[in-house]
């Protein structure tokens, strides 16, 4: 996703002013940029770096060190599929394969339409409901490959209705 300079400056100028003339601001600055833009975009790094006199390479170095920063847009819905022992034994690998086939993305990737980001996680702490998938903040238990796709289809349909388009 590319930004026009005027669009970016309008969105990022309040952040730049918040950190102007302050030292040791890289982490909170990057967090604010990610919050505003949705991820740490190269254009945003270059803009805030130039405005604050911080080399973009320095900001990039900090951002790549911490797992909390993303460098790609995240989907409207983040789908976390538990791959812990209980979920694995109950078939989470089959669910992962179905998600990959249906959505055309792998772990850590986002669909082209920016609707879904898929993340495999070590454990969601809901072992009694295995296999578990969490979409945004909603936990879905005892999933099957078919029920996982039905959950995502429902979210897509809901989104289309809100936007008044057919999917």
C-alpha atoms as a PDB file:
ATOM      1  CA  UNK A   1       0.000   0.000   0.000  1.00  0.00           C
ATOM      2  CA  UNK A   2       1.602   3.260  -1.108  1.00  0.00           C
ATOM      3  CA  UNK A   3       0.762   6.616   0.398  1.00  0.00           C
ATOM      4  CA  UNK A   4       0.663  10.033  -1.225  1.00  0.00           C
ATOM      5  CA  UNK A   5       3.043  12.473   0.471  1.00  0.00           C
ATOM      6  CA  UNK A   6       0.218  14.831   1.497  1.00  0.00           C
ATOM      7  CA  UNK A   7      -1.828  11.917   2.876  1.00  0.00           C
ATOM      8  CA  UNK A   8       1.122  10.667   4.863  1.00  0.00           C
ATOM      9  CA  UNK A   9       2.142  14.009   6.267  1.00  0.00           C
ATOM     10  CA  UNK A  10      -1.416  14.735   7.389  1.00  0.00           C
ATOM     11  CA  UNK A  11      -1.595  11.392   9.189  1.00  0.00           C
ATOM     12  CA  UNK A  12       1.914  11.417  10.640  1.00  0.00           C
ATOM     13  CA  UNK A  13       2.490  15.096  11.479  1.00  0.00           C
ATOM     14  CA  UNK A  14       0.811  14.846  14.903  1.00  0.00           C
ATOM     15  CA  UNK A  15       3.087  11.909  15.709  1.00  0.00           C
ATOM     16  CA  UNK A  16       6.148  13.813  14.498  1.00  0.00           C
ATOM     17  CA  UNK A  17       5.232  16.767  16.726  1.00  0.00           C
ATOM     18  CA  UNK A  18       4.731  14.483  19.715  1.00  0.00           C
ATOM     19  CA  UNK A  19       8.347  13.257  19.442  1.00  0.00           C
ATOM     20  CA  UNK A  20      10.106  16.358  18.129  1.00  0.00           C
ATOM     21  CA  UNK A  21      13.243  17.267  20.117  1.00  0.00           C
ATOM     22  CA  UNK A  22      13.008  14.157  22.288  1.00  0.00           C
ATOM     23  CA  UNK A  23      15.649  11.454  22.675  1.00  0.00           C
ATOM     24  CA  UNK A  24      15.220   7.677  22.794  1.00  0.00           C
ATOM     25  CA  UNK A  25      11.821   7.691  21.119  1.00  0.00           C
ATOM     26  CA  UNK A  26      12.252   4.976  18.490  1.00  0.00           C
ATOM     27  CA  UNK A  27      10.021   2.298  20.049  1.00  0.00           C
ATOM     28  CA  UNK A  28       7.035   4.486  20.994  1.00  0.00           C
ATOM     29  CA  UNK A  29       7.410   6.386  17.702  1.00  0.00           C
ATOM     30  CA  UNK A  30       7.284   3.144  15.714  1.00  0.00           C
ATOM     31  CA  UNK A  31       4.320   1.932  17.783  1.00  0.00           C
ATOM     32  CA  UNK A  32       2.428   5.148  17.027  1.00  0.00           C
ATOM     33  CA  UNK A  33       3.288   4.915  13.320  1.00  0.00           C
ATOM     34  CA  UNK A  34       2.066   1.315  13.210  1.00  0.00           C
ATOM     35  CA  UNK A  35      -1.100   2.283  15.043  1.00  0.00           C
ATOM     36  CA  UNK A  36      -1.809   5.093  12.584  1.00  0.00           C
ATOM     37  CA  UNK A  37      -0.817   3.384   9.321  1.00  0.00           C
ATOM     38  CA  UNK A  38      -1.619  -0.202  10.281  1.00  0.00           C
ATOM     39  CA  UNK A  39       1.954  -1.372   9.846  1.00  0.00           C
ATOM     40  CA  UNK A  40       5.467   0.094   9.656  1.00  0.00           C
ATOM     41  CA  UNK A  41       5.513   1.252   6.044  1.00  0.00           C
ATOM     42  CA  UNK A  42       8.832   2.168   4.438  1.00  0.00           C
ATOM     43  CA  UNK A  43       7.390   5.501   3.306  1.00  0.00           C
ATOM     44  CA  UNK A  44       6.330   6.268   6.877  1.00  0.00           C
ATOM     45  CA  UNK A  45       9.792   5.428   8.244  1.00  0.00           C
ATOM     46  CA  UNK A  46      11.398   7.716   5.698  1.00  0.00           C
ATOM     47  CA  UNK A  47       8.965  10.540   6.422  1.00  0.00           C
ATOM     48  CA  UNK A  48       9.179  10.509  10.221  1.00  0.00           C
ATOM     49  CA  UNK A  49      12.916   9.876  10.079  1.00  0.00           C
ATOM     50  CA  UNK A  50      13.486  12.899   7.868  1.00  0.00           C
ATOM     51  CA  UNK A  51      11.199  15.109   9.957  1.00  0.00           C
ATOM     52  CA  UNK A  52      12.837  14.092  13.242  1.00  0.00           C
ATOM     53  CA  UNK A  53      16.421  13.815  12.034  1.00  0.00           C
ATOM     54  CA  UNK A  54      16.573  10.078  12.738  1.00  0.00           C
ATOM     55  CA  UNK A  55      18.042   7.930   9.960  1.00  0.00           C
ATOM     56  CA  UNK A  56      15.379   5.643   8.499  1.00  0.00           C
ATOM     57  CA  UNK A  57      17.916   2.796   8.697  1.00  0.00           C
ATOM     58  CA  UNK A  58      18.119   3.282  12.467  1.00  0.00           C
ATOM     59  CA  UNK A  59      14.330   3.141  12.792  1.00  0.00           C
ATOM     60  CA  UNK A  60      14.223   0.063  10.552  1.00  0.00           C
ATOM     61  CA  UNK A  61      16.883  -1.608  12.698  1.00  0.00           C
ATOM     62  CA  UNK A  62      14.822  -1.056  15.832  1.00  0.00           C
ATOM     63  CA  UNK A  63      11.622  -2.198  14.124  1.00  0.00           C
ATOM     64  CA  UNK A  64      13.161  -5.426  12.841  1.00  0.00           C
ATOM     65  CA  UNK A  65      14.519  -6.283  16.286  1.00  0.00           C
ATOM     66  CA  UNK A  66      11.085  -6.376  17.934  1.00  0.00           C
ATOM     67  CA  UNK A  67       8.416  -8.915  16.928  1.00  0.00           C
ATOM     68  CA  UNK A  68       5.617  -6.448  17.720  1.00  0.00           C
ATOM     69  CA  UNK A  69       6.217  -4.491  14.509  1.00  0.00           C
ATOM     70  CA  UNK A  70       4.689  -5.519  11.174  1.00  0.00           C
ATOM     71  CA  UNK A  71       6.046  -4.560   7.764  1.00  0.00           C
ATOM     72  CA  UNK A  72       3.027  -5.587   5.722  1.00  0.00           C
ATOM     73  CA  UNK A  73      -0.598  -4.499   5.995  1.00  0.00           C
ATOM     74  CA  UNK A  74      -2.635  -6.713   8.280  1.00  0.00           C
ATOM     75  CA  UNK A  75      -6.042  -8.024   7.299  1.00  0.00           C
ATOM     76  CA  UNK A  76      -9.289  -6.638   8.632  1.00  0.00           C
ATOM     77  CA  UNK A  77      -9.600  -9.922  10.556  1.00  0.00           C
ATOM     78  CA  UNK A  78      -6.655 -11.696  12.193  1.00  0.00           C
ATOM     79  CA  UNK A  79      -7.169 -15.450  12.254  1.00  0.00           C
ATOM     80  CA  UNK A  80      -5.032 -17.231  14.859  1.00  0.00           C
ATOM     81  CA  UNK A  81      -4.960 -20.984  14.503  1.00  0.00           C
ATOM     82  CA  UNK A  82      -3.705 -22.872  17.552  1.00  0.00           C
ATOM     83  CA  UNK A  83      -0.990 -25.384  16.746  1.00  0.00           C
ATOM     84  CA  UNK A  84      -0.392 -26.519  20.348  1.00  0.00           C
ATOM     85  CA  UNK A  85      -0.281 -30.182  21.280  1.00  0.00           C
ATOM     86  CA  UNK A  86      -3.995 -30.637  22.075  1.00  0.00           C
ATOM     87  CA  UNK A  87      -5.053 -28.804  18.907  1.00  0.00           C
ATOM     88  CA  UNK A  88      -2.473 -30.628  16.793  1.00  0.00           C
ATOM     89  CA  UNK A  89      -3.680 -34.017  18.042  1.00  0.00           C
ATOM     90  CA  UNK A  90      -7.270 -32.971  17.265  1.00  0.00           C
ATOM     91  CA  UNK A  91      -6.483 -31.980  13.664  1.00  0.00           C
ATOM     92  CA  UNK A  92      -5.366 -28.351  13.506  1.00  0.00           C
ATOM     93  CA  UNK A  93      -2.966 -29.252  10.667  1.00  0.00           C
ATOM     94  CA  UNK A  94      -5.944 -30.193   8.479  1.00  0.00           C
ATOM     95  CA  UNK A  95      -7.572 -26.858   9.323  1.00  0.00           C
ATOM     96  CA  UNK A  96      -4.359 -25.027   8.415  1.00  0.00           C
ATOM     97  CA  UNK A  97      -4.217 -26.818   5.063  1.00  0.00           C
ATOM     98  CA  UNK A  98      -7.851 -25.925   4.318  1.00  0.00           C
ATOM     99  CA  UNK A  99      -7.289 -22.263   5.235  1.00  0.00           C
ATOM    100  CA  UNK A 100      -4.242 -22.123   2.975  1.00  0.00           C
ATOM    101  CA  UNK A 101      -6.110 -23.744   0.057  1.00  0.00           C
ATOM    102  CA  UNK A 102      -9.245 -21.628   0.429  1.00  0.00           C
ATOM    103  CA  UNK A 103      -7.629 -18.258   1.137  1.00  0.00           C
ATOM    104  CA  UNK A 104      -4.489 -18.711  -0.945  1.00  0.00           C
ATOM    105  CA  UNK A 105      -2.190 -17.583   1.875  1.00  0.00           C
ATOM    106  CA  UNK A 106       0.197 -19.271   4.277  1.00  0.00           C
ATOM    107  CA  UNK A 107       1.045 -18.623   7.906  1.00  0.00           C
ATOM    108  CA  UNK A 108       1.880 -14.964   8.442  1.00  0.00           C
ATOM    109  CA  UNK A 109       0.365 -13.813   5.153  1.00  0.00           C
ATOM    110  CA  UNK A 110      -2.603 -11.598   4.343  1.00  0.00           C
ATOM    111  CA  UNK A 111      -5.182 -12.161   1.638  1.00  0.00           C
ATOM    112  CA  UNK A 112      -4.984  -9.900  -1.391  1.00  0.00           C
ATOM    113  CA  UNK A 113      -8.251  -8.191  -0.456  1.00  0.00           C
ATOM    114  CA  UNK A 114      -6.815  -7.417   3.023  1.00  0.00           C
ATOM    115  CA  UNK A 115      -9.706  -9.280   4.629  1.00  0.00           C
ATOM    116  CA  UNK A 116      -7.755 -11.978   6.524  1.00  0.00           C
ATOM    117  CA  UNK A 117      -4.301 -12.420   8.042  1.00  0.00           C
ATOM    118  CA  UNK A 118      -3.481 -15.982   9.078  1.00  0.00           C
ATOM    119  CA  UNK A 119      -1.221 -16.653  12.061  1.00  0.00           C
ATOM    120  CA  UNK A 120      -0.288 -20.017  13.500  1.00  0.00           C
ATOM    121  CA  UNK A 121       0.227 -19.679  17.247  1.00  0.00           C
ATOM    122  CA  UNK A 122       1.776 -22.025  19.803  1.00  0.00           C
ATOM    123  CA  UNK A 123      -1.208 -22.068  22.162  1.00  0.00           C
ATOM    124  CA  UNK A 124      -4.411 -20.131  22.764  1.00  0.00           C
ATOM    125  CA  UNK A 125      -4.984 -21.678  26.193  1.00  0.00           C
ATOM    126  CA  UNK A 126      -8.293 -23.290  25.272  1.00  0.00           C
ATOM    127  CA  UNK A 127      -7.150 -26.913  25.150  1.00  0.00           C
ATOM    128  CA  UNK A 128     -10.527 -28.312  26.213  1.00  0.00           C
ATOM    129  CA  UNK A 129     -12.030 -26.804  23.052  1.00  0.00           C
ATOM    130  CA  UNK A 130      -9.377 -28.212  20.682  1.00  0.00           C
ATOM    131  CA  UNK A 131      -8.879 -27.562  17.875  1.00  0.00           C
ATOM    132  CA  UNK A 132      -9.250 -23.829  18.376  1.00  0.00           C
ATOM    133  CA  UNK A 133      -9.233 -20.856  16.042  1.00  0.00           C
ATOM    134  CA  UNK A 134      -9.441 -17.273  17.278  1.00  0.00           C
ATOM    135  CA  UNK A 135     -10.700 -14.593  14.908  1.00  0.00           C
ATOM    136  CA  UNK A 136      -9.937 -11.135  16.233  1.00  0.00           C
ATOM    137  CA  UNK A 137     -10.989 -11.591  19.880  1.00  0.00           C
ATOM    138  CA  UNK A 138     -13.582 -14.344  19.359  1.00  0.00           C
ATOM    139  CA  UNK A 139     -12.624 -17.940  20.167  1.00  0.00           C
ATOM    140  CA  UNK A 140     -14.074 -20.717  18.012  1.00  0.00           C
ATOM    141  CA  UNK A 141     -13.692 -24.209  19.460  1.00  0.00           C
ATOM    142  CA  UNK A 142     -13.978 -27.783  18.231  1.00  0.00           C
ATOM    143  CA  UNK A 143     -13.240 -26.623  14.721  1.00  0.00           C
ATOM    144  CA  UNK A 144     -13.133 -28.707  11.582  1.00  0.00           C
ATOM    145  CA  UNK A 145     -11.714 -27.608   8.242  1.00  0.00           C
ATOM    146  CA  UNK A 146     -15.290 -26.996   7.060  1.00  0.00           C
ATOM    147  CA  UNK A 147     -16.419 -25.061  10.134  1.00  0.00           C
ATOM    148  CA  UNK A 148     -13.297 -22.873  10.005  1.00  0.00           C
ATOM    149  CA  UNK A 149     -14.100 -21.859   6.437  1.00  0.00           C
ATOM    150  CA  UNK A 150     -17.757 -21.295   7.392  1.00  0.00           C
ATOM    151  CA  UNK A 151     -16.654 -18.840  10.113  1.00  0.00           C
ATOM    152  CA  UNK A 152     -14.563 -16.882   7.600  1.00  0.00           C
ATOM    153  CA  UNK A 153     -17.314 -16.992   4.961  1.00  0.00           C
ATOM    154  CA  UNK A 154     -19.702 -15.543   7.537  1.00  0.00           C
ATOM    155  CA  UNK A 155     -17.304 -12.686   8.268  1.00  0.00           C
ATOM    156  CA  UNK A 156     -16.860 -12.002   4.558  1.00  0.00           C
ATOM    157  CA  UNK A 157     -20.651 -12.003   4.015  1.00  0.00           C
ATOM    158  CA  UNK A 158     -21.136  -9.677   7.003  1.00  0.00           C
ATOM    159  CA  UNK A 159     -18.518  -7.303   5.638  1.00  0.00           C
ATOM    160  CA  UNK A 160     -20.123  -7.291   2.186  1.00  0.00           C
ATOM    161  CA  UNK A 161     -23.537  -6.490   3.690  1.00  0.00           C
ATOM    162  CA  UNK A 162     -22.080  -3.583   5.658  1.00  0.00           C
ATOM    163  CA  UNK A 163     -20.433  -2.213   2.527  1.00  0.00           C
ATOM    164  CA  UNK A 164     -23.533  -2.838   0.407  1.00  0.00           C
ATOM    165  CA  UNK A 165     -21.724  -4.972  -2.168  1.00  0.00           C
ATOM    166  CA  UNK A 166     -22.243  -8.507  -3.377  1.00  0.00           C
ATOM    167  CA  UNK A 167     -19.442 -10.968  -2.760  1.00  0.00           C
END
